[in-house]
Amino acid sequence: MTWIDLEHHIPDVDGISFLRAEWWDERSRFVLVRFAVNGKEQELGLRLDLDKRVFLDHFSDPKVDKLVQSQVRPIWTTIAKKRKLFT
């Protein structure tokens, strides 16, 4: 498994911290974004589709979901640099 730290690159939103992105296969278009709520890492992560640049998972609170979805671009950019998706 490969992972990249997000904690120092992506700002917290509404008590949600983005910790790291994980993937098993360099060719996979999906990564798992681990996150914490109020400092407690959650058991499940958010699946991110790198091609569509969207989280496949959502929060039940529309306000929180919108804030989390707004972080897709900076998360994608951080991952893209590591995986060299720009070439």
PDB file of N, CA and C in Angstrom:
ATOM      1  N   MET A   1       0.842  -1.180   0.000  1.00  0.00           N
ATOM      2  CA  MET A   1       0.000   0.000   0.000  1.00  0.00           C
ATOM      3  C   MET A   1       0.889   1.248   0.000  1.00  0.00           C
ATOM      4  N   THR A   2       0.469   2.223  -0.758  1.00  0.00           N
ATOM      5  CA  THR A   2       1.139   3.515  -0.809  1.00  0.00           C
ATOM      6  C   THR A   2       0.206   4.543  -0.183  1.00  0.00           C
ATOM      7  N   TRP A   3       0.781   5.512   0.484  1.00  0.00           N
ATOM      8  CA  TRP A   3      -0.050   6.562   1.067  1.00  0.00           C
ATOM      9  C   TRP A   3       0.711   7.881   1.036  1.00  0.00           C
ATOM     10  N   ILE A   4      -0.064   8.939   1.160  1.00  0.00           N
ATOM     11  CA  ILE A   4       0.497  10.286   1.196  1.00  0.00           C
ATOM     12  C   ILE A   4      -0.181  11.061   2.317  1.00  0.00           C
ATOM     13  N   ASP A   5       0.606  11.816   3.042  1.00  0.00           N
ATOM     14  CA  ASP A   5       0.105  12.626   4.147  1.00  0.00           C
ATOM     15  C   ASP A   5      -0.723  13.795   3.603  1.00  0.00           C
ATOM     16  N   LEU A   6      -1.892  13.983   4.148  1.00  0.00           N
ATOM     17  CA  LEU A   6      -2.729  15.129   3.780  1.00  0.00           C
ATOM     18  C   LEU A   6      -2.858  16.124   4.928  1.00  0.00           C
ATOM     19  N   GLU A   7      -2.558  15.662   6.117  1.00  0.00           N
ATOM     20  CA  GLU A   7      -2.809  16.437   7.323  1.00  0.00           C
ATOM     21  C   GLU A   7      -2.173  17.822   7.301  1.00  0.00           C
ATOM     22  N   HIS A   8      -1.011  17.936   6.710  1.00  0.00           N
ATOM     23  CA  HIS A   8      -0.316  19.226   6.691  1.00  0.00           C
ATOM     24  C   HIS A   8      -0.502  19.990   5.386  1.00  0.00           C
ATOM     25  N   HIS A   9      -1.349  19.453   4.503  1.00  0.00           N
ATOM     26  CA  HIS A   9      -1.559  20.074   3.193  1.00  0.00           C
ATOM     27  C   HIS A   9      -3.000  20.569   2.991  1.00  0.00           C
ATOM     28  N   ILE A  10      -3.938  19.938   3.683  1.00  0.00           N
ATOM     29  CA  ILE A  10      -5.349  20.237   3.471  1.00  0.00           C
ATOM     30  C   ILE A  10      -5.933  20.810   4.762  1.00  0.00           C
ATOM     31  N   PRO A  11      -6.573  21.969   4.700  1.00  0.00           N
ATOM     32  CA  PRO A  11      -7.139  22.564   5.918  1.00  0.00           C
ATOM     33  C   PRO A  11      -8.338  21.767   6.439  1.00  0.00           C
ATOM     34  N   ASP A  12      -8.528  21.830   7.742  1.00  0.00           N
ATOM     35  CA  ASP A  12      -9.695  21.215   8.366  1.00  0.00           C
ATOM     36  C   ASP A  12     -10.954  21.973   7.961  1.00  0.00           C
ATOM     37  N   VAL A  13     -12.060  21.231   7.878  1.00  0.00           N
ATOM     38  CA  VAL A  13     -13.349  21.861   7.597  1.00  0.00           C
ATOM     39  C   VAL A  13     -14.380  21.348   8.592  1.00  0.00           C
ATOM     40  N   ASP A  14     -14.961  22.251   9.346  1.00  0.00           N
ATOM     41  CA  ASP A  14     -16.061  21.936  10.261  1.00  0.00           C
ATOM     42  C   ASP A  14     -15.753  20.727  11.150  1.00  0.00           C
ATOM     43  N   GLY A  15     -14.558  20.695  11.738  1.00  0.00           N
ATOM     44  CA  GLY A  15     -14.172  19.613  12.639  1.00  0.00           C
ATOM     45  C   GLY A  15     -13.672  18.360  11.948  1.00  0.00           C
ATOM     46  N   ILE A  16     -13.545  18.383  10.625  1.00  0.00           N
ATOM     47  CA  ILE A  16     -13.066  17.231   9.865  1.00  0.00           C
ATOM     48  C   ILE A  16     -11.643  17.508   9.390  1.00  0.00           C
ATOM     49  N   SER A  17     -10.749  16.584   9.735  1.00  0.00           N
ATOM     50  CA  SER A  17      -9.349  16.675   9.317  1.00  0.00           C
ATOM     51  C   SER A  17      -9.065  15.572   8.306  1.00  0.00           C
ATOM     52  N   PHE A  18      -8.408  15.919   7.246  1.00  0.00           N
ATOM     53  CA  PHE A  18      -8.013  14.940   6.236  1.00  0.00           C
ATOM     54  C   PHE A  18      -6.612  14.461   6.601  1.00  0.00           C
ATOM     55  N   LEU A  19      -6.462  13.168   6.831  1.00  0.00           N
ATOM     56  CA  LEU A  19      -5.217  12.627   7.361  1.00  0.00           C
ATOM     57  C   LEU A  19      -4.274  12.117   6.292  1.00  0.00           C
ATOM     58  N   ARG A  20      -4.770  11.225   5.432  1.00  0.00           N
ATOM     59  CA  ARG A  20      -3.911  10.637   4.401  1.00  0.00           C
ATOM     60  C   ARG A  20      -4.763  10.029   3.301  1.00  0.00           C
ATOM     61  N   ALA A  21      -4.132   9.828   2.167  1.00  0.00           N
ATOM     62  CA  ALA A  21      -4.756   9.130   1.041  1.00  0.00           C
ATOM     63  C   ALA A  21      -3.987   7.838   0.844  1.00  0.00           C
ATOM     64  N   GLU A  22      -4.729   6.745   0.638  1.00  0.00           N
ATOM     65  CA  GLU A  22      -4.118   5.426   0.507  1.00  0.00           C
ATOM     66  C   GLU A  22      -4.556   4.763  -0.791  1.00  0.00           C
ATOM     67  N   TRP A  23      -3.640   3.983  -1.385  1.00  0.00           N
ATOM     68  CA  TRP A  23      -4.001   3.189  -2.557  1.00  0.00           C
ATOM     69  C   TRP A  23      -3.074   1.990  -2.656  1.00  0.00           C
ATOM     70  N   TRP A  24      -3.583   0.927  -3.260  1.00  0.00           N
ATOM     71  CA  TRP A  24      -2.820  -0.310  -3.415  1.00  0.00           C
ATOM     72  C   TRP A  24      -2.160  -0.399  -4.785  1.00  0.00           C
ATOM     73  N   ASP A  25      -2.794   0.141  -5.780  1.00  0.00           N
ATOM     74  CA  ASP A  25      -2.322  -0.017  -7.161  1.00  0.00           C
ATOM     75  C   ASP A  25      -2.112   1.372  -7.763  1.00  0.00           C
ATOM     76  N   GLU A  26      -0.917   1.616  -8.265  1.00  0.00           N
ATOM     77  CA  GLU A  26      -0.595   2.920  -8.857  1.00  0.00           C
ATOM     78  C   GLU A  26      -1.478   3.255 -10.059  1.00  0.00           C
ATOM     79  N   ARG A  27      -2.040   2.247 -10.695  1.00  0.00           N
ATOM     80  CA  ARG A  27      -2.883   2.485 -11.865  1.00  0.00           C
ATOM     81  C   ARG A  27      -4.354   2.701 -11.517  1.00  0.00           C
ATOM     82  N   SER A  28      -4.703   2.467 -10.262  1.00  0.00           N
ATOM     83  CA  SER A  28      -6.098   2.605  -9.853  1.00  0.00           C
ATOM     84  C   SER A  28      -6.534   4.064  -9.888  1.00  0.00           C
ATOM     85  N   ARG A  29      -7.752   4.262 -10.327  1.00  0.00           N
ATOM     86  CA  ARG A  29      -8.276   5.634 -10.337  1.00  0.00           C
ATOM     87  C   ARG A  29      -8.963   5.975  -9.017  1.00  0.00           C
ATOM     88  N   PHE A  30      -8.960   5.022  -8.081  1.00  0.00           N
ATOM     89  CA  PHE A  30      -9.605   5.247  -6.785  1.00  0.00           C
ATOM     90  C   PHE A  30      -8.572   5.256  -5.665  1.00  0.00           C
ATOM     91  N   VAL A  31      -8.763   6.169  -4.717  1.00  0.00           N
ATOM     92  CA  VAL A  31      -7.951   6.193  -3.499  1.00  0.00           C
ATOM     93  C   VAL A  31      -8.907   6.301  -2.317  1.00  0.00           C
ATOM     94  N   LEU A  32      -8.414   5.922  -1.163  1.00  0.00           N
ATOM     95  CA  LEU A  32      -9.190   6.036   0.064  1.00  0.00           C
ATOM     96  C   LEU A  32      -8.611   7.179   0.871  1.00  0.00           C
ATOM     97  N   VAL A  33      -9.433   8.153   1.199  1.00  0.00           N
ATOM     98  CA  VAL A  33      -8.999   9.305   1.978  1.00  0.00           C
ATOM     99  C   VAL A  33      -9.425   9.078   3.426  1.00  0.00           C
ATOM    100  N   ARG A  34      -8.432   8.935   4.294  1.00  0.00           N
ATOM    101  CA  ARG A  34      -8.699   8.753   5.725  1.00  0.00           C
ATOM    102  C   ARG A  34      -8.904  10.120   6.349  1.00  0.00           C
ATOM    103  N   PHE A  35      -9.846  10.189   7.296  1.00  0.00           N
ATOM    104  CA  PHE A  35     -10.166  11.456   7.924  1.00  0.00           C
ATOM    105  C   PHE A  35     -10.513  11.254   9.386  1.00  0.00           C
ATOM    106  N   ALA A  36     -10.487  12.348  10.135  1.00  0.00           N
ATOM    107  CA  ALA A  36     -10.857  12.339  11.548  1.00  0.00           C
ATOM    108  C   ALA A  36     -11.973  13.351  11.763  1.00  0.00           C
ATOM    109  N   VAL A  37     -12.853  13.045  12.689  1.00  0.00           N
ATOM    110  CA  VAL A  37     -13.913  13.969  13.094  1.00  0.00           C
ATOM    111  C   VAL A  37     -13.628  14.358  14.535  1.00  0.00           C
ATOM    112  N   ASN A  38     -13.439  15.659  14.753  1.00  0.00           N
ATOM    113  CA  ASN A  38     -13.095  16.185  16.077  1.00  0.00           C
ATOM    114  C   ASN A  38     -11.921  15.434  16.693  1.00  0.00           C
ATOM    115  N   GLY A  39     -10.901  15.167  15.872  1.00  0.00           N
ATOM    116  CA  GLY A  39      -9.672  14.555  16.347  1.00  0.00           C
ATOM    117  C   GLY A  39      -9.674  13.038  16.414  1.00  0.00           C
ATOM    118  N   LYS A  40     -10.806  12.392  16.148  1.00  0.00           N
ATOM    119  CA  LYS A  40     -10.884  10.927  16.215  1.00  0.00           C
ATOM    120  C   LYS A  40     -10.947  10.347  14.803  1.00  0.00           C
ATOM    121  N   GLU A  41      -9.898   9.561  14.457  1.00  0.00           N
ATOM    122  CA  GLU A  41      -9.881   8.955  13.128  1.00  0.00           C
ATOM    123  C   GLU A  41     -11.069   8.013  12.971  1.00  0.00           C
ATOM    124  N   GLN A  42     -11.728   8.112  11.833  1.00  0.00           N
ATOM    125  CA  GLN A  42     -12.899   7.295  11.545  1.00  0.00           C
ATOM    126  C   GLN A  42     -12.485   5.946  10.968  1.00  0.00           C
ATOM    127  N   GLU A  43     -13.291   4.951  11.264  1.00  0.00           N
ATOM    128  CA  GLU A  43     -13.005   3.592  10.809  1.00  0.00           C
ATOM    129  C   GLU A  43     -13.036   3.493   9.287  1.00  0.00           C
ATOM    130  N   LEU A  44     -14.006   4.146   8.686  1.00  0.00           N
ATOM    131  CA  LEU A  44     -14.150   4.126   7.233  1.00  0.00           C
ATOM    132  C   LEU A  44     -13.580   5.414   6.650  1.00  0.00           C
ATOM    133  N   GLY A  45     -13.060   5.337   5.443  1.00  0.00           N
ATOM    134  CA  GLY A  45     -12.555   6.515   4.762  1.00  0.00           C
ATOM    135  C   GLY A  45     -13.520   6.953   3.677  1.00  0.00           C
ATOM    136  N   LEU A  46     -13.124   7.973   2.950  1.00  0.00           N
ATOM    137  CA  LEU A  46     -13.909   8.485   1.825  1.00  0.00           C
ATOM    138  C   LEU A  46     -13.257   8.006   0.527  1.00  0.00           C
ATOM    139  N   ARG A  47     -14.026   7.359  -0.325  1.00  0.00           N
ATOM    140  CA  ARG A  47     -13.500   6.907  -1.611  1.00  0.00           C
ATOM    141  C   ARG A  47     -13.482   8.102  -2.567  1.00  0.00           C
ATOM    142  N   LEU A  48     -12.330   8.309  -3.189  1.00  0.00           N
ATOM    143  CA  LEU A  48     -12.156   9.413  -4.129  1.00  0.00           C
ATOM    144  C   LEU A  48     -11.883   8.856  -5.513  1.00  0.00           C
ATOM    145  N   ASP A  49     -12.697   9.264  -6.479  1.00  0.00           N
ATOM    146  CA  ASP A  49     -12.495   8.895  -7.876  1.00  0.00           C
ATOM    147  C   ASP A  49     -11.597   9.964  -8.494  1.00  0.00           C
ATOM    148  N   LEU A  50     -10.368   9.593  -8.820  1.00  0.00           N
ATOM    149  CA  LEU A  50      -9.410  10.564  -9.341  1.00  0.00           C
ATOM    150  C   LEU A  50      -9.764  11.043 -10.746  1.00  0.00           C
ATOM    151  N   ASP A  51     -10.406  10.195 -11.531  1.00  0.00           N
ATOM    152  CA  ASP A  51     -10.789  10.605 -12.885  1.00  0.00           C
ATOM    153  C   ASP A  51     -11.920  11.634 -12.851  1.00  0.00           C
ATOM    154  N   LYS A  52     -12.918  11.368 -12.042  1.00  0.00           N
ATOM    155  CA  LYS A  52     -14.077  12.272 -11.962  1.00  0.00           C
ATOM    156  C   LYS A  52     -13.866  13.397 -10.957  1.00  0.00           C
ATOM    157  N   ARG A  53     -12.839  13.236 -10.122  1.00  0.00           N
ATOM    158  CA  ARG A  53     -12.512  14.228  -9.093  1.00  0.00           C
ATOM    159  C   ARG A  53     -13.703  14.501  -8.189  1.00  0.00           C
ATOM    160  N   VAL A  54     -14.204  13.421  -7.605  1.00  0.00           N
ATOM    161  CA  VAL A  54     -15.352  13.528  -6.708  1.00  0.00           C
ATOM    162  C   VAL A  54     -15.275  12.422  -5.660  1.00  0.00           C
ATOM    163  N   PHE A  55     -15.726  12.749  -4.436  1.00  0.00           N
ATOM    164  CA  PHE A  55     -15.869  11.721  -3.419  1.00  0.00           C
ATOM    165  C   PHE A  55     -17.094  10.892  -3.755  1.00  0.00           C
ATOM    166  N   LEU A  56     -16.979   9.586  -3.630  1.00  0.00           N
ATOM    167  CA  LEU A  56     -18.104   8.698  -3.882  1.00  0.00           C
ATOM    168  C   LEU A  56     -18.967   8.538  -2.633  1.00  0.00           C
ATOM    169  N   ASP A  57     -18.437   8.933  -1.488  1.00  0.00           N
ATOM    170  CA  ASP A  57     -19.159   8.851  -0.219  1.00  0.00           C
ATOM    171  C   ASP A  57     -19.593  10.253   0.200  1.00  0.00           C
ATOM    172  N   HIS A  58     -20.676  10.294   0.952  1.00  0.00           N
ATOM    173  CA  HIS A  58     -21.232  11.592   1.355  1.00  0.00           C
ATOM    174  C   HIS A  58     -21.592  11.596   2.834  1.00  0.00           C
ATOM    175  N   PHE A  59     -21.643  12.785   3.405  1.00  0.00           N
ATOM    176  CA  PHE A  59     -22.084  12.980   4.779  1.00  0.00           C
ATOM    177  C   PHE A  59     -23.584  13.265   4.776  1.00  0.00           C
ATOM    178  N   SER A  60     -24.256  12.865   5.838  1.00  0.00           N
ATOM    179  CA  SER A  60     -25.706  13.058   5.898  1.00  0.00           C
ATOM    180  C   SER A  60     -26.094  14.535   6.035  1.00  0.00           C
ATOM    181  N   ASP A  61     -25.227  15.328   6.625  1.00  0.00           N
ATOM    182  CA  ASP A  61     -25.488  16.768   6.770  1.00  0.00           C
ATOM    183  C   ASP A  61     -25.049  17.458   5.475  1.00  0.00           C
ATOM    184  N   PRO A  62     -25.997  18.042   4.730  1.00  0.00           N
ATOM    185  CA  PRO A  62     -25.651  18.678   3.443  1.00  0.00           C
ATOM    186  C   PRO A  62     -24.595  19.774   3.559  1.00  0.00           C
ATOM    187  N   LYS A  63     -24.606  20.526   4.653  1.00  0.00           N
ATOM    188  CA  LYS A  63     -23.624  21.602   4.837  1.00  0.00           C
ATOM    189  C   LYS A  63     -22.218  21.011   4.963  1.00  0.00           C
ATOM    190  N   VAL A  64     -22.074  19.994   5.795  1.00  0.00           N
ATOM    191  CA  VAL A  64     -20.783  19.339   5.989  1.00  0.00           C
ATOM    192  C   VAL A  64     -20.342  18.666   4.689  1.00  0.00           C
ATOM    193  N   ASP A  65     -21.275  18.011   4.027  1.00  0.00           N
ATOM    194  CA  ASP A  65     -20.949  17.337   2.772  1.00  0.00           C
ATOM    195  C   ASP A  65     -20.414  18.321   1.737  1.00  0.00           C
ATOM    196  N   LYS A  66     -21.043  19.475   1.650  1.00  0.00           N
ATOM    197  CA  LYS A  66     -20.600  20.490   0.684  1.00  0.00           C
ATOM    198  C   LYS A  66     -19.190  20.980   1.035  1.00  0.00           C
ATOM    199  N   LEU A  67     -18.919  21.176   2.314  1.00  0.00           N
ATOM    200  CA  LEU A  67     -17.585  21.609   2.740  1.00  0.00           C
ATOM    201  C   LEU A  67     -16.532  20.548   2.428  1.00  0.00           C
ATOM    202  N   VAL A  68     -16.871  19.285   2.688  1.00  0.00           N
ATOM    203  CA  VAL A  68     -15.945  18.195   2.414  1.00  0.00           C
ATOM    204  C   VAL A  68     -15.707  18.077   0.906  1.00  0.00           C
ATOM    205  N   GLN A  69     -16.771  18.131   0.127  1.00  0.00           N
ATOM    206  CA  GLN A  69     -16.634  18.048  -1.331  1.00  0.00           C
ATOM    207  C   GLN A  69     -15.787  19.200  -1.872  1.00  0.00           C
ATOM    208  N   SER A  70     -15.819  20.336  -1.198  1.00  0.00           N
ATOM    209  CA  SER A  70     -15.035  21.491  -1.663  1.00  0.00           C
ATOM    210  C   SER A  70     -13.527  21.257  -1.529  1.00  0.00           C
ATOM    211  N   GLN A  71     -13.141  20.232  -0.775  1.00  0.00           N
ATOM    212  CA  GLN A  71     -11.723  19.939  -0.590  1.00  0.00           C
ATOM    213  C   GLN A  71     -11.183  18.931  -1.603  1.00  0.00           C
ATOM    214  N   VAL A  72     -12.048  18.445  -2.491  1.00  0.00           N
ATOM    215  CA  VAL A  72     -11.602  17.456  -3.482  1.00  0.00           C
ATOM    216  C   VAL A  72     -10.455  18.006  -4.329  1.00  0.00           C
ATOM    217  N   ARG A  73     -10.580  19.211  -4.803  1.00  0.00           N
ATOM    218  CA  ARG A  73      -9.542  19.756  -5.698  1.00  0.00           C
ATOM    219  C   ARG A  73      -8.168  19.810  -5.038  1.00  0.00           C
ATOM    220  N   PRO A  74      -8.033  20.402  -3.830  1.00  0.00           N
ATOM    221  CA  PRO A  74      -6.693  20.407  -3.218  1.00  0.00           C
ATOM    222  C   PRO A  74      -6.193  19.003  -2.868  1.00  0.00           C
ATOM    223  N   ILE A  75      -7.095  18.103  -2.488  1.00  0.00           N
ATOM    224  CA  ILE A  75      -6.693  16.724  -2.207  1.00  0.00           C
ATOM    225  C   ILE A  75      -6.222  16.066  -3.501  1.00  0.00           C
ATOM    226  N   TRP A  76      -6.986  16.234  -4.576  1.00  0.00           N
ATOM    227  CA  TRP A  76      -6.613  15.658  -5.870  1.00  0.00           C
ATOM    228  C   TRP A  76      -5.245  16.182  -6.317  1.00  0.00           C
ATOM    229  N   THR A  77      -5.025  17.466  -6.175  1.00  0.00           N
ATOM    230  CA  THR A  77      -3.762  18.076  -6.593  1.00  0.00           C
ATOM    231  C   THR A  77      -2.590  17.492  -5.805  1.00  0.00           C
ATOM    232  N   THR A  78      -2.768  17.325  -4.507  1.00  0.00           N
ATOM    233  CA  THR A  78      -1.720  16.752  -3.660  1.00  0.00           C
ATOM    234  C   THR A  78      -1.405  15.321  -4.097  1.00  0.00           C
ATOM    235  N   ILE A  79      -2.435  14.540  -4.349  1.00  0.00           N
ATOM    236  CA  ILE A  79      -2.248  13.162  -4.805  1.00  0.00           C
ATOM    237  C   ILE A  79      -1.636  13.137  -6.208  1.00  0.00           C
ATOM    238  N   ALA A  80      -2.117  13.998  -7.073  1.00  0.00           N
ATOM    239  CA  ALA A  80      -1.636  14.038  -8.464  1.00  0.00           C
ATOM    240  C   ALA A  80      -0.140  14.324  -8.526  1.00  0.00           C
ATOM    241  N   LYS A  81       0.345  15.183  -7.663  1.00  0.00           N
ATOM    242  CA  LYS A  81       1.786  15.476  -7.631  1.00  0.00           C
ATOM    243  C   LYS A  81       2.570  14.222  -7.251  1.00  0.00           C
ATOM    244  N   LYS A  82       2.074  13.489  -6.263  1.00  0.00           N
ATOM    245  CA  LYS A  82       2.755  12.272  -5.809  1.00  0.00           C
ATOM    246  C   LYS A  82       2.709  11.191  -6.894  1.00  0.00           C
ATOM    247  N   ARG A  83       1.572  11.042  -7.526  1.00  0.00           N
ATOM    248  CA  ARG A  83       1.407   9.978  -8.519  1.00  0.00           C
ATOM    249  C   ARG A  83       1.760  10.439  -9.931  1.00  0.00           C
ATOM    250  N   LYS A  84       2.164  11.687 -10.056  1.00  0.00           N
ATOM    251  CA  LYS A  84       2.554  12.253 -11.351  1.00  0.00           C
ATOM    252  C   LYS A  84       1.443  12.114 -12.395  1.00  0.00           C
ATOM    253  N   LEU A  85       0.237  12.527 -12.011  1.00  0.00           N
ATOM    254  CA  LEU A  85      -0.917  12.434 -12.900  1.00  0.00           C
ATOM    255  C   LEU A  85      -0.951  13.556 -13.937  1.00  0.00           C
ATOM    256  N   PHE A  86      -0.089  14.541 -13.782  1.00  0.00           N
ATOM    257  CA  PHE A  86      -0.111  15.673 -14.701  1.00  0.00           C
ATOM    258  C   PHE A  86       0.533  15.337 -16.042  1.00  0.00           C
ATOM    259  N   THR A  87       1.311  14.253 -16.095  1.00  0.00           N
ATOM    260  CA  THR A  87       2.028  13.926 -17.340  1.00  0.00           C
ATOM    261  C   THR A  87       1.201  13.041 -18.229  1.00  0.00           C
TER     262      THR A  87
END
